[in-house]
N, C-alpha and C. Protein backbone atom coordinates (compact mmCIF):
# COMPACT_ATOMS: atom_id res chain seq x y z
N UNK A 1 -45.55 49.62 -52.48
CA UNK A 1 -46.46 50.84 -52.58
C UNK A 1 -46.17 51.74 -51.54
N UNK A 2 -45.83 51.40 -50.26
CA UNK A 2 -45.49 52.49 -49.21
C UNK A 2 -44.35 53.35 -49.61
N UNK A 3 -43.30 52.70 -50.21
CA UNK A 3 -42.13 53.53 -50.72
C UNK A 3 -42.67 54.55 -51.69
N UNK A 4 -43.47 54.18 -52.61
CA UNK A 4 -44.01 55.10 -53.54
C UNK A 4 -44.77 56.24 -53.01
N UNK A 5 -45.66 55.84 -52.01
CA UNK A 5 -46.43 56.85 -51.26
C UNK A 5 -45.48 57.74 -50.46
N UNK A 6 -44.51 57.19 -49.85
CA UNK A 6 -43.56 57.80 -49.12
C UNK A 6 -42.70 58.90 -49.91
N UNK A 7 -42.35 58.47 -51.17
CA UNK A 7 -41.64 59.41 -51.99
C UNK A 7 -42.65 60.55 -52.44
N UNK A 8 -43.84 60.22 -52.73
CA UNK A 8 -44.79 61.22 -53.17
C UNK A 8 -45.06 62.13 -52.02
N UNK A 9 -45.23 61.75 -50.84
CA UNK A 9 -45.57 62.57 -49.70
C UNK A 9 -44.36 63.51 -49.42
N UNK A 10 -43.16 63.21 -49.71
CA UNK A 10 -41.93 63.99 -49.50
C UNK A 10 -41.78 64.98 -50.53
N UNK A 11 -42.58 64.79 -51.62
CA UNK A 11 -42.40 65.75 -52.76
C UNK A 11 -41.21 65.39 -53.67
N UNK A 12 -40.69 64.26 -53.64
CA UNK A 12 -39.56 63.79 -54.49
C UNK A 12 -39.93 63.53 -55.90
N UNK A 13 -41.17 63.35 -56.20
CA UNK A 13 -41.58 63.04 -57.60
C UNK A 13 -41.85 64.47 -58.24
N UNK A 14 -41.29 64.68 -59.33
CA UNK A 14 -41.47 65.96 -59.97
C UNK A 14 -42.75 66.05 -60.77
N UNK A 15 -43.10 67.23 -61.12
CA UNK A 15 -44.27 67.41 -61.99
C UNK A 15 -44.01 66.92 -63.37
N UNK A 16 -45.04 66.56 -64.09
CA UNK A 16 -44.82 66.09 -65.49
C UNK A 16 -45.84 66.89 -66.25
N UNK A 17 -45.66 66.89 -67.54
CA UNK A 17 -46.65 67.55 -68.40
C UNK A 17 -48.00 66.85 -68.37
N UNK A 18 -49.06 67.73 -68.29
CA UNK A 18 -50.38 67.28 -68.00
C UNK A 18 -50.90 66.55 -69.20
N UNK A 19 -50.39 66.74 -70.46
CA UNK A 19 -50.91 66.17 -71.66
C UNK A 19 -50.37 64.80 -71.90
N UNK A 20 -49.30 64.32 -71.16
CA UNK A 20 -48.68 63.01 -71.45
C UNK A 20 -49.54 61.99 -70.72
N UNK A 21 -50.00 60.97 -71.44
CA UNK A 21 -50.84 59.93 -70.97
C UNK A 21 -49.95 58.97 -70.08
N UNK A 22 -50.71 58.41 -68.98
CA UNK A 22 -50.06 57.44 -68.13
C UNK A 22 -50.01 56.18 -68.91
N UNK A 23 -48.95 55.39 -68.68
CA UNK A 23 -48.70 54.07 -69.40
C UNK A 23 -48.85 52.99 -68.49
N UNK A 24 -50.05 52.49 -68.15
CA UNK A 24 -50.31 51.46 -67.23
C UNK A 24 -50.37 50.15 -67.88
N UNK A 25 -49.86 49.13 -67.25
CA UNK A 25 -49.97 47.76 -67.76
C UNK A 25 -51.32 47.16 -67.64
N UNK A 26 -51.81 46.38 -68.52
CA UNK A 26 -53.18 45.77 -68.50
C UNK A 26 -53.09 44.56 -67.79
N UNK A 27 -54.10 44.27 -66.85
CA UNK A 27 -54.17 43.04 -66.06
C UNK A 27 -55.56 42.57 -66.14
N UNK A 28 -55.82 41.29 -65.98
CA UNK A 28 -57.21 40.76 -65.88
C UNK A 28 -57.87 41.27 -64.60
N UNK A 29 -59.19 41.57 -64.65
CA UNK A 29 -59.74 42.32 -63.53
C UNK A 29 -59.68 41.58 -62.22
N UNK A 30 -59.60 40.33 -62.20
CA UNK A 30 -59.42 39.46 -60.95
C UNK A 30 -58.08 39.71 -60.33
N UNK A 31 -57.08 40.30 -61.10
CA UNK A 31 -55.74 40.66 -60.55
C UNK A 31 -55.65 42.02 -60.01
N UNK A 32 -56.67 42.87 -60.16
CA UNK A 32 -56.53 44.21 -59.65
C UNK A 32 -56.57 44.32 -58.21
N UNK A 33 -55.84 45.20 -57.74
CA UNK A 33 -55.93 45.46 -56.26
C UNK A 33 -57.08 46.19 -55.87
N UNK A 34 -57.52 46.11 -54.66
CA UNK A 34 -58.80 46.79 -54.18
C UNK A 34 -58.64 48.30 -54.31
N UNK A 35 -59.67 48.93 -54.80
CA UNK A 35 -59.73 50.39 -54.77
C UNK A 35 -59.72 50.94 -53.31
N UNK A 36 -60.43 50.20 -52.42
CA UNK A 36 -60.35 50.64 -51.06
C UNK A 36 -59.02 50.56 -50.39
N UNK A 37 -58.24 49.57 -50.76
CA UNK A 37 -56.84 49.45 -50.19
C UNK A 37 -56.05 50.72 -50.60
N UNK A 38 -56.12 51.10 -51.84
CA UNK A 38 -55.42 52.33 -52.35
C UNK A 38 -55.90 53.55 -51.55
N UNK A 39 -57.20 53.71 -51.55
CA UNK A 39 -57.92 54.94 -50.88
C UNK A 39 -57.43 54.94 -49.44
N UNK A 40 -57.47 53.82 -48.74
CA UNK A 40 -57.10 53.87 -47.30
C UNK A 40 -55.61 54.20 -47.10
N UNK A 41 -54.73 53.64 -48.05
CA UNK A 41 -53.32 53.96 -47.89
C UNK A 41 -53.04 55.41 -48.10
N UNK A 42 -53.72 56.06 -49.12
CA UNK A 42 -53.54 57.43 -49.49
C UNK A 42 -54.06 58.39 -48.36
N UNK A 43 -55.23 57.98 -47.76
CA UNK A 43 -55.68 58.79 -46.73
C UNK A 43 -54.85 58.72 -45.47
N UNK A 44 -54.26 57.54 -45.25
CA UNK A 44 -53.31 57.35 -44.06
C UNK A 44 -52.03 58.19 -44.25
N UNK A 45 -51.77 58.50 -45.49
CA UNK A 45 -50.57 59.37 -45.81
C UNK A 45 -50.96 60.83 -45.79
N UNK A 46 -52.12 61.09 -45.59
CA UNK A 46 -52.62 62.55 -45.48
C UNK A 46 -53.13 63.12 -46.71
N UNK A 47 -53.52 62.22 -47.67
CA UNK A 47 -54.09 62.77 -48.88
C UNK A 47 -55.59 62.86 -48.71
N UNK A 48 -56.15 63.95 -49.48
CA UNK A 48 -57.57 64.04 -49.52
C UNK A 48 -57.95 63.68 -51.00
N UNK A 49 -58.90 62.70 -51.19
CA UNK A 49 -59.27 62.27 -52.60
C UNK A 49 -60.60 62.98 -52.86
N UNK A 50 -60.50 63.77 -53.98
CA UNK A 50 -61.69 64.43 -54.48
C UNK A 50 -62.41 63.55 -55.47
N UNK A 51 -61.63 62.94 -56.38
CA UNK A 51 -62.14 62.11 -57.41
C UNK A 51 -61.31 60.87 -57.56
N UNK A 52 -61.89 59.70 -57.63
CA UNK A 52 -61.15 58.53 -57.87
C UNK A 52 -61.81 57.73 -59.01
N UNK A 53 -61.12 57.38 -59.99
CA UNK A 53 -61.64 56.78 -61.16
C UNK A 53 -60.71 55.72 -61.85
N UNK A 54 -61.26 54.90 -62.74
CA UNK A 54 -60.43 54.03 -63.64
C UNK A 54 -60.28 54.85 -64.91
N UNK A 55 -58.97 55.01 -65.30
CA UNK A 55 -58.66 55.65 -66.48
C UNK A 55 -57.82 54.68 -67.31
N UNK A 56 -58.41 53.98 -68.33
CA UNK A 56 -57.67 52.98 -69.12
C UNK A 56 -57.37 51.90 -68.22
N UNK A 57 -56.04 51.62 -68.12
CA UNK A 57 -55.53 50.54 -67.24
C UNK A 57 -55.01 51.10 -65.87
N UNK A 58 -55.34 52.27 -65.60
CA UNK A 58 -54.85 52.95 -64.37
C UNK A 58 -55.96 53.24 -63.34
N UNK A 59 -55.65 53.24 -62.06
CA UNK A 59 -56.42 53.92 -61.07
C UNK A 59 -55.96 55.34 -61.13
N UNK A 60 -56.78 56.35 -61.17
CA UNK A 60 -56.52 57.73 -61.16
C UNK A 60 -57.15 58.54 -60.04
N UNK A 61 -56.44 59.32 -59.34
CA UNK A 61 -57.00 60.17 -58.25
C UNK A 61 -56.68 61.67 -58.56
N UNK A 62 -57.67 62.45 -58.20
CA UNK A 62 -57.45 63.86 -58.19
C UNK A 62 -57.71 64.24 -56.74
N UNK A 63 -56.85 65.02 -56.02
CA UNK A 63 -57.17 65.45 -54.77
C UNK A 63 -56.02 66.36 -54.31
N UNK A 64 -55.73 66.32 -52.93
CA UNK A 64 -54.67 67.13 -52.36
C UNK A 64 -53.70 66.38 -51.43
N UNK A 65 -52.47 66.68 -51.66
CA UNK A 65 -51.47 65.99 -50.71
C UNK A 65 -51.57 66.50 -49.25
N UNK A 66 -50.64 65.97 -48.49
CA UNK A 66 -50.83 66.43 -47.02
C UNK A 66 -50.46 67.88 -46.82
N UNK A 67 -49.70 68.47 -47.81
CA UNK A 67 -49.40 69.92 -47.72
C UNK A 67 -50.55 70.76 -48.38
N UNK A 68 -51.60 70.05 -48.81
CA UNK A 68 -52.71 70.86 -49.32
C UNK A 68 -52.58 71.15 -50.77
N UNK A 69 -51.58 70.72 -51.42
CA UNK A 69 -51.42 71.01 -52.86
C UNK A 69 -52.20 69.95 -53.73
N UNK A 70 -52.75 70.55 -54.82
CA UNK A 70 -53.50 69.68 -55.72
C UNK A 70 -52.59 68.73 -56.49
N UNK A 71 -53.08 67.42 -56.58
CA UNK A 71 -52.36 66.45 -57.35
C UNK A 71 -53.23 65.63 -58.17
N UNK A 72 -52.69 65.04 -59.18
CA UNK A 72 -53.22 64.02 -60.07
C UNK A 72 -52.31 62.88 -60.09
N UNK A 73 -52.78 61.66 -59.72
CA UNK A 73 -51.82 60.56 -59.58
C UNK A 73 -52.43 59.33 -60.37
N UNK A 74 -51.59 58.64 -61.07
CA UNK A 74 -52.09 57.44 -61.80
C UNK A 74 -51.33 56.22 -61.14
N UNK A 75 -51.97 55.12 -60.82
CA UNK A 75 -51.44 53.95 -60.11
C UNK A 75 -51.68 52.71 -61.00
N UNK A 76 -50.68 51.85 -60.97
CA UNK A 76 -50.84 50.51 -61.52
C UNK A 76 -51.90 49.75 -60.78
N UNK A 77 -52.90 49.16 -61.48
CA UNK A 77 -54.06 48.51 -60.90
C UNK A 77 -53.71 47.23 -60.12
N UNK A 78 -52.68 46.60 -60.36
CA UNK A 78 -52.17 45.41 -59.72
C UNK A 78 -51.36 45.67 -58.50
N UNK A 79 -50.25 46.43 -58.73
CA UNK A 79 -49.28 46.67 -57.65
C UNK A 79 -49.47 48.02 -56.89
N UNK A 80 -50.33 48.85 -57.43
CA UNK A 80 -50.58 50.12 -56.83
C UNK A 80 -49.37 51.07 -56.75
N UNK A 81 -48.43 50.78 -57.58
CA UNK A 81 -47.25 51.61 -57.78
C UNK A 81 -47.65 52.92 -58.56
N UNK A 82 -46.99 53.99 -58.21
CA UNK A 82 -47.27 55.22 -58.88
C UNK A 82 -46.69 55.15 -60.31
N UNK A 83 -47.51 55.36 -61.30
CA UNK A 83 -47.15 55.35 -62.70
C UNK A 83 -46.79 56.74 -63.15
N UNK A 84 -47.56 57.71 -62.66
CA UNK A 84 -47.30 59.10 -63.06
C UNK A 84 -48.02 59.99 -61.95
N UNK A 85 -47.27 61.10 -61.75
CA UNK A 85 -47.78 61.98 -60.54
C UNK A 85 -47.65 63.44 -61.23
N UNK A 86 -48.69 64.21 -61.01
CA UNK A 86 -48.70 65.59 -61.59
C UNK A 86 -49.13 66.47 -60.46
N UNK A 87 -48.32 67.53 -60.20
CA UNK A 87 -48.74 68.57 -59.28
C UNK A 87 -49.58 69.55 -60.00
N UNK A 88 -50.74 69.86 -59.60
CA UNK A 88 -51.56 70.83 -60.32
C UNK A 88 -51.54 72.24 -59.62
N UNK A 89 -51.83 73.18 -60.37
CA UNK A 89 -51.79 74.54 -59.79
C UNK A 89 -53.17 74.77 -59.21
N UNK A 90 -53.12 75.46 -58.19
CA UNK A 90 -54.47 75.76 -57.41
C UNK A 90 -55.19 76.82 -58.15
């Protein structure tokens, strides 16, 4: 997870089309990672979370990265790996 967050914070992940759905694997709820764990890791990396939700089989956040740019990011609910990241226009 930290590698994925590091790559994201460095801007190495490119923007993707907003209309393409994130394809997250389905897990039983007891296997989901804690929402708080993800929130704390993102905030430690300098992210500001405006909205955090469950979207299908993904955790999804809307917020700003440490550079202040708007982002939409989908995470695997078990591993917290980034499944899809979108840079949004301000």
